[in-house]
Amino acid sequence: MIVSMGKEAFDDEHYLFEPKWDGWRLLLHKQGGRLEAYTRNGNRVTEKFPELREAVSAIRVPEAILDGEGVCLRGDRTVFDDFAYRGRLSDSRRIAAAVRTHPATFILFDVLQTNQSHMQEPLTTRKARLQEAVASTDVLALTAYVEGQGRALQNWTIARELEGTVAKRRNSVYRPGVVSKDWIKIKNVQTIDVIILGYRSKPRFGLVVGLHFRTVRYKPVGLVEFGFAARDKQAFLDIAQGLRTTNDGKTQWIEPRLCCRIQYLERNDRHQLRTTVFRGFLFDKRPEDCYWTY
C-alpha cells in the first residue's frame, strides 16, 4: 500500500499516527523456520541481512507476511545512508562485517496475512494481530503510534531529527499498490547549507547546488528554483559574472566560492534533494564547510 503526500500535521481521532522511518520499505515473508525479505519492487534481499536468521524466532505464528521498514539506527535516529550501504553489499565477507558496523533493525507496522488474509480487516484489528504475532527484539520491533494526536507526534519527530510522520485512517483496509488518502505522509522540512556550483536561466532561473561527502567533493545535489526575491537573483548574477567557468548549454558553472541556505522536503538514494526552496545567501560561510551530515 502506497502512502500519499500531505502538507501539514493534523489532529484527527479517526487516524493513527506513526513516525516515518528513513530506510527501505520491505515485506517479510515467514514460512516455518524460513524468513525472506522483499523490496517494494519484489526483489529478494534476504542474503544481505543475516540478522533475519535471528528475527524469525521473534515471529510467533508459523506463517506471516509483514509490512515494515528496514533501518539502521544511530542512537534514536534512522540513517538512510547506512541502510542503503547494507543494501548495496553482495560479498558475504563484507556483509558479515556490516552486521557489526551497520546493524539492521526491521520495524514492522502491518500484517497482511498469517494463516489467512487480513488485508480487508480494519487497521486497528491488524495492529492488534501484529502485536500478538511478533515479540520485539533488537532486530525486529513494532513501530510506535499515537491515536488522534498528529501534531504532537510531528513535534516529537522534529525534535529528534526524524523524517516526519504517517497518518493512517483507523478503519482503513490494506490495498496493495494503491495510493490512498487513508495513508498520508507528512514530511518535516529540512534545512541545509550548500555550495553554489552553477546556475540556469531556462526555463526559469535556478541555482545548481552541491555538497561534500565522505568519498566525493562538490557533488551536485539539486536545483533550487523557488524562494528568490528579485534583489537576491540580481546580487547573485552580479557576483557570478567574475566566477564563470564552463557552460554546457544547460548550466553555467562557476567557481565554487559561494554558499547559500536552502530548505528541502526529501531526497532520493542518490542524495538528490527535492522540493527545494532558497532561504538566503551565506557570504561568510566557507564552501569547504558545506557537507552532508550523516
C-alpha atoms as a PDB file:
ATOM      1  CA  MET A   1       0.000   0.000   0.000  1.00  0.00           C
ATOM      2  CA  ILE A   2       1.481   3.335  -1.062  1.00  0.00           C
ATOM      3  CA  VAL A   3       1.499   6.440   1.120  1.00  0.00           C
ATOM      4  CA  SER A   4       0.164   9.703  -0.326  1.00  0.00           C
ATOM      5  CA  MET A   5       1.768  13.096   0.394  1.00  0.00           C
ATOM      6  CA  GLY A   6       0.257  15.504   2.908  1.00  0.00           C
ATOM      7  CA  LYS A   7       1.115  19.156   3.509  1.00  0.00           C
ATOM      8  CA  GLU A   8       0.994  19.619   7.264  1.00  0.00           C
ATOM      9  CA  ALA A   9       0.427  17.749  10.504  1.00  0.00           C
ATOM     10  CA  PHE A  10      -3.126  17.459  11.826  1.00  0.00           C
ATOM     11  CA  ASP A  11      -5.115  16.000  14.708  1.00  0.00           C
ATOM     12  CA  ASP A  12      -7.971  13.626  13.952  1.00  0.00           C
ATOM     13  CA  GLU A  13      -9.475  10.932  16.149  1.00  0.00           C
ATOM     14  CA  HIS A  14     -10.159   8.821  13.061  1.00  0.00           C
ATOM     15  CA  TYR A  15      -6.405   8.398  12.410  1.00  0.00           C
ATOM     16  CA  LEU A  16      -3.418   6.679  13.981  1.00  0.00           C
ATOM     17  CA  PHE A  17      -0.071   8.475  13.640  1.00  0.00           C
ATOM     18  CA  GLU A  18       3.312   6.748  13.306  1.00  0.00           C
ATOM     19  CA  PRO A  19       6.876   8.091  12.974  1.00  0.00           C
ATOM     20  CA  LYS A  20       8.140   7.905   9.389  1.00  0.00           C
ATOM     21  CA  TRP A  21      11.262   5.750   9.435  1.00  0.00           C
ATOM     22  CA  ASP A  22      14.022   6.557   6.943  1.00  0.00           C
ATOM     23  CA  GLY A  23      15.081   3.266   5.364  1.00  0.00           C
ATOM     24  CA  TRP A  24      13.836   0.693   2.854  1.00  0.00           C
ATOM     25  CA  ARG A  25      10.213  -0.422   2.727  1.00  0.00           C
ATOM     26  CA  LEU A  26      10.286  -4.218   2.985  1.00  0.00           C
ATOM     27  CA  LEU A  27       7.870  -7.119   3.149  1.00  0.00           C
ATOM     28  CA  LEU A  28       8.926 -10.022   5.385  1.00  0.00           C
ATOM     29  CA  HIS A  29       7.569 -13.463   4.444  1.00  0.00           C
ATOM     30  CA  LYS A  30       7.739 -16.189   7.091  1.00  0.00           C
ATOM     31  CA  GLN A  31       7.003 -19.855   6.490  1.00  0.00           C
ATOM     32  CA  GLY A  32       8.036 -22.248   9.231  1.00  0.00           C
ATOM     33  CA  GLY A  33      11.672 -21.555  10.071  1.00  0.00           C
ATOM     34  CA  ARG A  34      12.295 -19.598   6.876  1.00  0.00           C
ATOM     35  CA  LEU A  35      12.135 -15.804   6.645  1.00  0.00           C
ATOM     36  CA  GLU A  36      12.574 -13.879   3.393  1.00  0.00           C
ATOM     37  CA  ALA A  37      12.764 -10.126   2.760  1.00  0.00           C
ATOM     38  CA  TYR A  38      11.467  -8.431  -0.395  1.00  0.00           C
ATOM     39  CA  THR A  39      11.685  -4.814  -1.563  1.00  0.00           C
ATOM     40  CA  ARG A  40       8.744  -2.833  -2.928  1.00  0.00           C
ATOM     41  CA  ASN A  41       9.791  -3.912  -6.419  1.00  0.00           C
ATOM     42  CA  GLY A  42       9.709  -7.579  -5.465  1.00  0.00           C
ATOM     43  CA  ASN A  43      13.478  -8.053  -5.255  1.00  0.00           C
ATOM     44  CA  ARG A  44      14.585 -10.699  -2.754  1.00  0.00           C
ATOM     45  CA  VAL A  45      17.270  -9.263  -0.456  1.00  0.00           C
ATOM     46  CA  THR A  46      17.370 -11.873   2.331  1.00  0.00           C
ATOM     47  CA  GLU A  47      21.069 -12.715   1.990  1.00  0.00           C
ATOM     48  CA  LYS A  48      22.056  -9.080   2.532  1.00  0.00           C
ATOM     49  CA  PHE A  49      20.672  -9.188   6.075  1.00  0.00           C
ATOM     50  CA  PRO A  50      21.861 -12.164   8.159  1.00  0.00           C
ATOM     51  CA  GLU A  51      20.035 -10.572  11.116  1.00  0.00           C
ATOM     52  CA  LEU A  52      16.867 -12.114   9.703  1.00  0.00           C
ATOM     53  CA  ARG A  53      18.028 -15.555  10.899  1.00  0.00           C
ATOM     54  CA  GLU A  54      17.662 -14.250  14.450  1.00  0.00           C
ATOM     55  CA  ALA A  55      14.426 -12.404  13.710  1.00  0.00           C
ATOM     56  CA  VAL A  56      12.483 -15.468  12.575  1.00  0.00           C
ATOM     57  CA  SER A  57      12.152 -16.776  16.146  1.00  0.00           C
ATOM     58  CA  ALA A  58      10.505 -13.499  17.250  1.00  0.00           C
ATOM     59  CA  ILE A  59       7.540 -14.130  14.932  1.00  0.00           C
ATOM     60  CA  ARG A  60       5.216 -16.300  16.988  1.00  0.00           C
ATOM     61  CA  VAL A  61       2.938 -17.527  14.180  1.00  0.00           C
ATOM     62  CA  PRO A  62       4.096 -20.286  11.776  1.00  0.00           C
ATOM     63  CA  GLU A  63       3.471 -18.197   8.666  1.00  0.00           C
ATOM     64  CA  ALA A  64       3.069 -14.482   8.030  1.00  0.00           C
ATOM     65  CA  ILE A  65       3.514 -11.621   5.572  1.00  0.00           C
ATOM     66  CA  LEU A  66       4.543  -8.462   7.436  1.00  0.00           C
ATOM     67  CA  ASP A  67       4.965  -4.898   6.157  1.00  0.00           C
ATOM     68  CA  GLY A  68       7.644  -2.632   7.551  1.00  0.00           C
ATOM     69  CA  GLU A  69      10.837  -0.648   7.123  1.00  0.00           C
ATOM     70  CA  GLY A  70      14.428  -1.845   7.237  1.00  0.00           C
ATOM     71  CA  VAL A  71      16.585   0.752   9.005  1.00  0.00           C
ATOM     72  CA  CYS A  72      19.962   1.374  10.587  1.00  0.00           C
ATOM     73  CA  LEU A  73      19.911   3.323  13.832  1.00  0.00           C
ATOM     74  CA  ARG A  74      22.407   5.799  15.255  1.00  0.00           C
ATOM     75  CA  GLY A  75      21.073   6.486  18.700  1.00  0.00           C
ATOM     76  CA  ASP A  76      17.412   7.439  18.223  1.00  0.00           C
ATOM     77  CA  ARG A  77      17.849   8.377  14.551  1.00  0.00           C
ATOM     78  CA  THR A  78      17.438   6.239  11.469  1.00  0.00           C
ATOM     79  CA  VAL A  79      20.210   6.877   8.922  1.00  0.00           C
ATOM     80  CA  PHE A  80      19.148   6.141   5.360  1.00  0.00           C
ATOM     81  CA  ASP A  81      22.705   6.044   4.004  1.00  0.00           C
ATOM     82  CA  ASP A  82      23.685   3.294   6.435  1.00  0.00           C
ATOM     83  CA  PHE A  83      20.848   1.031   5.334  1.00  0.00           C
ATOM     84  CA  ALA A  84      21.431   1.858   1.660  1.00  0.00           C
ATOM     85  CA  TYR A  85      25.059   0.805   2.206  1.00  0.00           C
ATOM     86  CA  ARG A  86      23.838  -2.547   3.539  1.00  0.00           C
ATOM     87  CA  GLY A  87      21.591  -2.917   0.523  1.00  0.00           C
ATOM     88  CA  ARG A  88      24.483  -2.397  -1.917  1.00  0.00           C
ATOM     89  CA  LEU A  89      26.656  -5.154  -0.456  1.00  0.00           C
ATOM     90  CA  SER A  90      26.856  -8.534  -2.164  1.00  0.00           C
ATOM     91  CA  ASP A  91      30.156 -10.012  -0.919  1.00  0.00           C
ATOM     92  CA  SER A  92      29.481 -12.355   2.016  1.00  0.00           C
ATOM     93  CA  ARG A  93      32.553 -11.233   3.981  1.00  0.00           C
ATOM     94  CA  ARG A  94      31.607  -7.563   3.711  1.00  0.00           C
ATOM     95  CA  ILE A  95      28.017  -8.383   4.655  1.00  0.00           C
ATOM     96  CA  ALA A  96      29.229 -10.227   7.777  1.00  0.00           C
ATOM     97  CA  ALA A  97      31.376  -7.244   8.747  1.00  0.00           C
ATOM     98  CA  ALA A  98      28.492  -4.806   8.154  1.00  0.00           C
ATOM     99  CA  VAL A  99      26.296  -6.728  10.618  1.00  0.00           C
ATOM    100  CA  ARG A 100      28.727  -5.457  13.283  1.00  0.00           C
ATOM    101  CA  THR A 101      29.384  -1.958  11.909  1.00  0.00           C
ATOM    102  CA  HIS A 102      25.914  -1.149  10.481  1.00  0.00           C
ATOM    103  CA  PRO A 103      23.427  -3.438  12.275  1.00  0.00           C
ATOM    104  CA  ALA A 104      19.970  -3.547  10.721  1.00  0.00           C
ATOM    105  CA  THR A 105      16.637  -3.359  12.508  1.00  0.00           C
ATOM    106  CA  PHE A 106      13.295  -4.208  10.929  1.00  0.00           C
ATOM    107  CA  ILE A 107      10.444  -2.013  12.157  1.00  0.00           C
ATOM    108  CA  LEU A 108       7.021  -3.517  11.477  1.00  0.00           C
ATOM    109  CA  PHE A 109       3.760  -1.631  11.120  1.00  0.00           C
ATOM    110  CA  ASP A 110       1.289  -4.036   9.475  1.00  0.00           C
ATOM    111  CA  VAL A 111       0.342  -7.660   8.947  1.00  0.00           C
ATOM    112  CA  LEU A 112      -1.114  -8.720   5.600  1.00  0.00           C
ATOM    113  CA  GLN A 113      -1.506 -12.429   6.208  1.00  0.00           C
ATOM    114  CA  THR A 114      -0.979 -15.255   8.700  1.00  0.00           C
ATOM    115  CA  ASN A 115      -2.861 -18.494   8.073  1.00  0.00           C
ATOM    116  CA  GLN A 116      -5.491 -16.277   6.402  1.00  0.00           C
ATOM    117  CA  SER A 117      -5.568 -12.888   4.692  1.00  0.00           C
ATOM    118  CA  HIS A 118      -6.062  -9.841   6.922  1.00  0.00           C
ATOM    119  CA  MET A 119      -5.990  -7.159   4.228  1.00  0.00           C
ATOM    120  CA  GLN A 120      -9.742  -6.487   4.389  1.00  0.00           C
ATOM    121  CA  GLU A 121      -9.706  -6.050   8.164  1.00  0.00           C
ATOM    122  CA  PRO A 122      -9.557  -2.528   9.692  1.00  0.00           C
ATOM    123  CA  LEU A 123      -6.111  -1.190  10.522  1.00  0.00           C
ATOM    124  CA  THR A 124      -6.811  -1.275  14.272  1.00  0.00           C
ATOM    125  CA  THR A 125      -7.575  -5.012  14.038  1.00  0.00           C
ATOM    126  CA  ARG A 126      -4.384  -5.636  12.052  1.00  0.00           C
ATOM    127  CA  LYS A 127      -2.374  -3.671  14.642  1.00  0.00           C
ATOM    128  CA  ALA A 128      -3.739  -5.933  17.395  1.00  0.00           C
ATOM    129  CA  ARG A 129      -2.906  -9.046  15.375  1.00  0.00           C
ATOM    130  CA  LEU A 130       0.604  -7.745  14.729  1.00  0.00           C
ATOM    131  CA  GLN A 131       1.192  -7.227  18.448  1.00  0.00           C
ATOM    132  CA  GLU A 132       0.096 -10.798  19.154  1.00  0.00           C
ATOM    133  CA  ALA A 133       2.191 -12.225  16.314  1.00  0.00           C
ATOM    134  CA  VAL A 134       5.555 -10.510  16.967  1.00  0.00           C
ATOM    135  CA  ALA A 135       7.782 -10.235  20.033  1.00  0.00           C
ATOM    136  CA  SER A 136      10.003  -7.144  19.850  1.00  0.00           C
ATOM    137  CA  THR A 137      13.783  -7.715  19.854  1.00  0.00           C
ATOM    138  CA  ASP A 138      16.850  -5.680  18.877  1.00  0.00           C
ATOM    139  CA  VAL A 139      16.354  -6.887  15.293  1.00  0.00           C
ATOM    140  CA  LEU A 140      12.567  -6.908  14.995  1.00  0.00           C
ATOM    141  CA  ALA A 141      10.436  -4.142  16.505  1.00  0.00           C
ATOM    142  CA  LEU A 142       6.881  -2.838  16.250  1.00  0.00           C
ATOM    143  CA  THR A 143       6.512   0.820  15.354  1.00  0.00           C
ATOM    144  CA  ALA A 144       5.185   3.171  17.982  1.00  0.00           C
ATOM    145  CA  TYR A 145       1.993   5.094  17.204  1.00  0.00           C
ATOM    146  CA  VAL A 146      -0.415   7.512  18.841  1.00  0.00           C
ATOM    147  CA  GLU A 147      -4.140   7.939  18.362  1.00  0.00           C
ATOM    148  CA  GLY A 148      -5.506  11.228  17.117  1.00  0.00           C
ATOM    149  CA  GLN A 149      -2.560  13.476  18.042  1.00  0.00           C
ATOM    150  CA  GLY A 150      -0.667  14.034  14.812  1.00  0.00           C
ATOM    151  CA  ARG A 151       0.702  17.467  15.684  1.00  0.00           C
ATOM    152  CA  ALA A 152       2.267  16.299  18.941  1.00  0.00           C
ATOM    153  CA  LEU A 153       3.949  13.372  17.207  1.00  0.00           C
ATOM    154  CA  GLN A 154       5.204  15.647  14.423  1.00  0.00           C
ATOM    155  CA  ASN A 155       6.820  17.901  17.020  1.00  0.00           C
ATOM    156  CA  TRP A 156       8.392  14.833  18.625  1.00  0.00           C
ATOM    157  CA  THR A 157       9.909  13.762  15.286  1.00  0.00           C
ATOM    158  CA  ILE A 158      11.209  17.279  14.600  1.00  0.00           C
ATOM    159  CA  ALA A 159      12.985  17.362  17.965  1.00  0.00           C
ATOM    160  CA  ARG A 160      14.686  14.038  17.137  1.00  0.00           C
ATOM    161  CA  GLU A 161      15.531  14.982  13.530  1.00  0.00           C
ATOM    162  CA  LEU A 162      13.333  12.223  12.094  1.00  0.00           C
ATOM    163  CA  GLU A 163      11.824  12.366   8.618  1.00  0.00           C
ATOM    164  CA  GLY A 164       8.233  13.021   9.627  1.00  0.00           C
ATOM    165  CA  THR A 165       5.033  11.111  10.381  1.00  0.00           C
ATOM    166  CA  VAL A 166       2.477   8.899   8.651  1.00  0.00           C
ATOM    167  CA  ALA A 167      -1.235   9.315   9.321  1.00  0.00           C
ATOM    168  CA  LYS A 168      -3.331   6.152   8.819  1.00  0.00           C
ATOM    169  CA  ARG A 169      -7.093   6.028   8.973  1.00  0.00           C
ATOM    170  CA  ARG A 170      -8.135   3.686  11.791  1.00  0.00           C
ATOM    171  CA  ASN A 171     -10.634   1.710   9.714  1.00  0.00           C
ATOM    172  CA  SER A 172      -8.543   1.534   6.516  1.00  0.00           C
ATOM    173  CA  VAL A 173      -8.118  -1.778   4.733  1.00  0.00           C
ATOM    174  CA  TYR A 174      -4.827  -2.752   3.081  1.00  0.00           C
ATOM    175  CA  ARG A 175      -4.863  -2.175  -0.683  1.00  0.00           C
ATOM    176  CA  PRO A 176      -1.595  -3.253  -2.383  1.00  0.00           C
ATOM    177  CA  GLY A 177      -0.252  -0.860  -4.999  1.00  0.00           C
ATOM    178  CA  VAL A 178      -2.865   1.814  -4.274  1.00  0.00           C
ATOM    179  CA  VAL A 179      -2.039   5.446  -3.412  1.00  0.00           C
ATOM    180  CA  SER A 180      -4.701   6.400  -0.892  1.00  0.00           C
ATOM    181  CA  LYS A 181      -5.554   9.287   1.411  1.00  0.00           C
ATOM    182  CA  ASP A 182      -6.127   6.578   4.011  1.00  0.00           C
ATOM    183  CA  TRP A 183      -2.339   6.686   4.496  1.00  0.00           C
ATOM    184  CA  ILE A 184      -0.722  10.143   4.397  1.00  0.00           C
ATOM    185  CA  LYS A 185       2.941  11.022   4.975  1.00  0.00           C
ATOM    186  CA  ILE A 186       3.761  14.454   6.375  1.00  0.00           C
ATOM    187  CA  LYS A 187       7.462  15.211   5.978  1.00  0.00           C
ATOM    188  CA  ASN A 188       9.435  17.575   8.165  1.00  0.00           C
ATOM    189  CA  VAL A 189      11.085  20.486   6.379  1.00  0.00           C
ATOM    190  CA  GLN A 190      14.873  20.111   6.466  1.00  0.00           C
ATOM    191  CA  THR A 191      17.399  22.957   6.246  1.00  0.00           C
ATOM    192  CA  ILE A 192      20.947  22.625   4.913  1.00  0.00           C
ATOM    193  CA  ASP A 193      23.798  24.881   3.804  1.00  0.00           C
ATOM    194  CA  VAL A 194      25.036  24.137   0.278  1.00  0.00           C
ATOM    195  CA  ILE A 195      27.668  25.261  -2.235  1.00  0.00           C
ATOM    196  CA  ILE A 196      26.538  27.084  -5.380  1.00  0.00           C
ATOM    197  CA  LEU A 197      28.135  25.238  -8.304  1.00  0.00           C
ATOM    198  CA  GLY A 198      26.333  26.989 -11.154  1.00  0.00           C
ATOM    199  CA  TYR A 199      23.041  28.376 -12.365  1.00  0.00           C
ATOM    200  CA  ARG A 200      20.453  28.021 -15.114  1.00  0.00           C
ATOM    201  CA  SER A 201      18.376  30.671 -16.842  1.00  0.00           C
ATOM    202  CA  LYS A 202      15.886  28.476 -18.755  1.00  0.00           C
ATOM    203  CA  PRO A 203      13.087  27.581 -18.418  1.00  0.00           C
ATOM    204  CA  ARG A 204      13.459  29.617 -15.204  1.00  0.00           C
ATOM    205  CA  PHE A 205      16.276  30.862 -13.024  1.00  0.00           C
ATOM    206  CA  GLY A 206      17.727  28.285 -10.676  1.00  0.00           C
ATOM    207  CA  LEU A 207      20.864  27.520  -8.699  1.00  0.00           C
ATOM    208  CA  VAL A 208      22.692  24.211  -9.095  1.00  0.00           C
ATOM    209  CA  VAL A 209      23.874  23.372  -5.583  1.00  0.00           C
ATOM    210  CA  GLY A 210      26.233  20.776  -4.149  1.00  0.00           C
ATOM    211  CA  LEU A 211      27.756  19.276  -1.020  1.00  0.00           C
ATOM    212  CA  HIS A 212      30.841  17.441   0.142  1.00  0.00           C
ATOM    213  CA  PHE A 213      30.541  13.748   1.015  1.00  0.00           C
ATOM    214  CA  ARG A 214      32.977  11.278   2.537  1.00  0.00           C
ATOM    215  CA  THR A 215      34.083   9.956  -0.827  1.00  0.00           C
ATOM    216  CA  VAL A 216      33.354  12.849  -3.208  1.00  0.00           C
ATOM    217  CA  ARG A 217      33.611  16.621  -3.077  1.00  0.00           C
ATOM    218  CA  TYR A 218      31.427  19.229  -4.778  1.00  0.00           C
ATOM    219  CA  LYS A 219      28.750  16.712  -5.707  1.00  0.00           C
ATOM    220  CA  PRO A 220      25.632  18.333  -7.271  1.00  0.00           C
ATOM    221  CA  VAL A 221      22.596  17.533  -5.133  1.00  0.00           C
ATOM    222  CA  GLY A 222      19.803  19.629  -6.572  1.00  0.00           C
ATOM    223  CA  LEU A 223      18.360  22.554  -8.490  1.00  0.00           C
ATOM    224  CA  VAL A 224      16.794  25.397  -6.469  1.00  0.00           C
ATOM    225  CA  GLU A 225      14.232  27.432  -8.422  1.00  0.00           C
ATOM    226  CA  PHE A 226      11.921  28.890  -5.784  1.00  0.00           C
ATOM    227  CA  GLY A 227      12.210  31.391  -2.948  1.00  0.00           C
ATOM    228  CA  PHE A 228      14.251  34.100  -4.688  1.00  0.00           C
ATOM    229  CA  ALA A 229      13.487  37.799  -4.353  1.00  0.00           C
ATOM    230  CA  ALA A 230      14.434  39.920  -7.368  1.00  0.00           C
ATOM    231  CA  ARG A 231      17.295  41.506  -5.406  1.00  0.00           C
ATOM    232  CA  ASP A 232      18.688  38.055  -4.492  1.00  0.00           C
ATOM    233  CA  LYS A 233      18.804  36.993  -8.115  1.00  0.00           C
ATOM    234  CA  GLN A 234      20.421  40.253  -9.280  1.00  0.00           C
ATOM    235  CA  ALA A 235      23.011  40.246  -6.474  1.00  0.00           C
ATOM    236  CA  PHE A 236      23.993  36.699  -7.374  1.00  0.00           C
ATOM    237  CA  LEU A 237      24.260  37.395 -11.120  1.00  0.00           C
ATOM    238  CA  ASP A 238      26.449  40.448 -10.448  1.00  0.00           C
ATOM    239  CA  ILE A 239      28.879  38.361  -8.377  1.00  0.00           C
ATOM    240  CA  ALA A 240      28.730  35.339 -10.686  1.00  0.00           C
ATOM    241  CA  GLN A 241      29.975  37.432 -13.630  1.00  0.00           C
ATOM    242  CA  GLY A 242      33.508  37.149 -12.274  1.00  0.00           C
ATOM    243  CA  LEU A 243      33.246  33.456 -11.318  1.00  0.00           C
ATOM    244  CA  ARG A 244      32.072  31.867 -14.569  1.00  0.00           C
ATOM    245  CA  THR A 245      33.934  28.804 -15.826  1.00  0.00           C
ATOM    246  CA  THR A 246      32.324  26.482 -18.407  1.00  0.00           C
ATOM    247  CA  ASN A 247      28.883  26.414 -19.979  1.00  0.00           C
ATOM    248  CA  ASP A 248      27.471  23.098 -21.196  1.00  0.00           C
ATOM    249  CA  GLY A 249      24.445  24.696 -22.881  1.00  0.00           C
ATOM    250  CA  LYS A 250      22.233  23.913 -19.910  1.00  0.00           C
ATOM    251  CA  THR A 251      24.204  25.092 -16.876  1.00  0.00           C
ATOM    252  CA  GLN A 252      26.591  27.979 -16.432  1.00  0.00           C
ATOM    253  CA  TRP A 253      29.149  26.579 -13.999  1.00  0.00           C
ATOM    254  CA  ILE A 254      31.015  28.896 -11.656  1.00  0.00           C
ATOM    255  CA  GLU A 255      33.940  28.635  -9.273  1.00  0.00           C
ATOM    256  CA  PRO A 256      32.587  27.074  -6.052  1.00  0.00           C
ATOM    257  CA  ARG A 257      33.104  30.042  -3.767  1.00  0.00           C
ATOM    258  CA  LEU A 258      29.543  30.949  -2.750  1.00  0.00           C
ATOM    259  CA  CYS A 259      27.195  29.236  -0.296  1.00  0.00           C
ATOM    260  CA  CYS A 260      23.502  29.521   0.474  1.00  0.00           C
ATOM    261  CA  ARG A 261      20.911  28.006   2.780  1.00  0.00           C
ATOM    262  CA  ILE A 262      18.007  26.013   1.390  1.00  0.00           C
ATOM    263  CA  GLN A 263      15.054  24.014   2.644  1.00  0.00           C
ATOM    264  CA  TYR A 264      14.004  20.651   1.225  1.00  0.00           C
ATOM    265  CA  LEU A 265      11.406  18.013   1.941  1.00  0.00           C
ATOM    266  CA  GLU A 266      13.011  14.804   0.735  1.00  0.00           C
ATOM    267  CA  ARG A 267      15.972  13.228  -1.042  1.00  0.00           C
ATOM    268  CA  ASN A 268      16.473  10.113  -3.085  1.00  0.00           C
ATOM    269  CA  ASP A 269      19.069   7.385  -2.628  1.00  0.00           C
ATOM    270  CA  ARG A 270      21.499   9.376  -4.817  1.00  0.00           C
ATOM    271  CA  HIS A 271      21.289  12.326  -2.425  1.00  0.00           C
ATOM    272  CA  GLN A 272      19.292  14.481  -4.829  1.00  0.00           C
ATOM    273  CA  LEU A 273      17.247  16.972  -2.811  1.00  0.00           C
ATOM    274  CA  ARG A 274      13.628  17.558  -3.808  1.00  0.00           C
ATOM    275  CA  THR A 275      11.052  20.294  -3.167  1.00  0.00           C
ATOM    276  CA  THR A 276      13.818  22.828  -2.570  1.00  0.00           C
ATOM    277  CA  VAL A 277      13.379  26.493  -1.569  1.00  0.00           C
ATOM    278  CA  PHE A 278      16.051  29.205  -1.373  1.00  0.00           C
ATOM    279  CA  ARG A 279      16.373  30.800   2.067  1.00  0.00           C
ATOM    280  CA  GLY A 280      19.365  33.139   1.743  1.00  0.00           C
ATOM    281  CA  PHE A 281      22.987  33.595   0.724  1.00  0.00           C
ATOM    282  CA  LEU A 282      25.753  32.838   3.225  1.00  0.00           C
ATOM    283  CA  PHE A 283      28.546  35.148   2.156  1.00  0.00           C
ATOM    284  CA  ASP A 284      30.583  34.436   5.305  1.00  0.00           C
ATOM    285  CA  LYS A 285      30.400  30.639   5.050  1.00  0.00           C
ATOM    286  CA  ARG A 286      33.298  28.655   3.613  1.00  0.00           C
ATOM    287  CA  PRO A 287      32.409  26.156   0.854  1.00  0.00           C
ATOM    288  CA  GLU A 288      34.601  23.507   2.477  1.00  0.00           C
ATOM    289  CA  ASP A 289      32.228  23.572   5.483  1.00  0.00           C
ATOM    290  CA  CYS A 290      29.194  22.525   3.417  1.00  0.00           C
ATOM    291  CA  TYR A 291      28.932  18.765   3.792  1.00  0.00           C
ATOM    292  CA  TRP A 292      26.271  16.117   4.147  1.00  0.00           C
ATOM    293  CA  THR A 293      25.607  15.364   7.817  1.00  0.00           C
ATOM    294  CA  TYR A 294      25.164  11.625   8.228  1.00  0.00           C
END
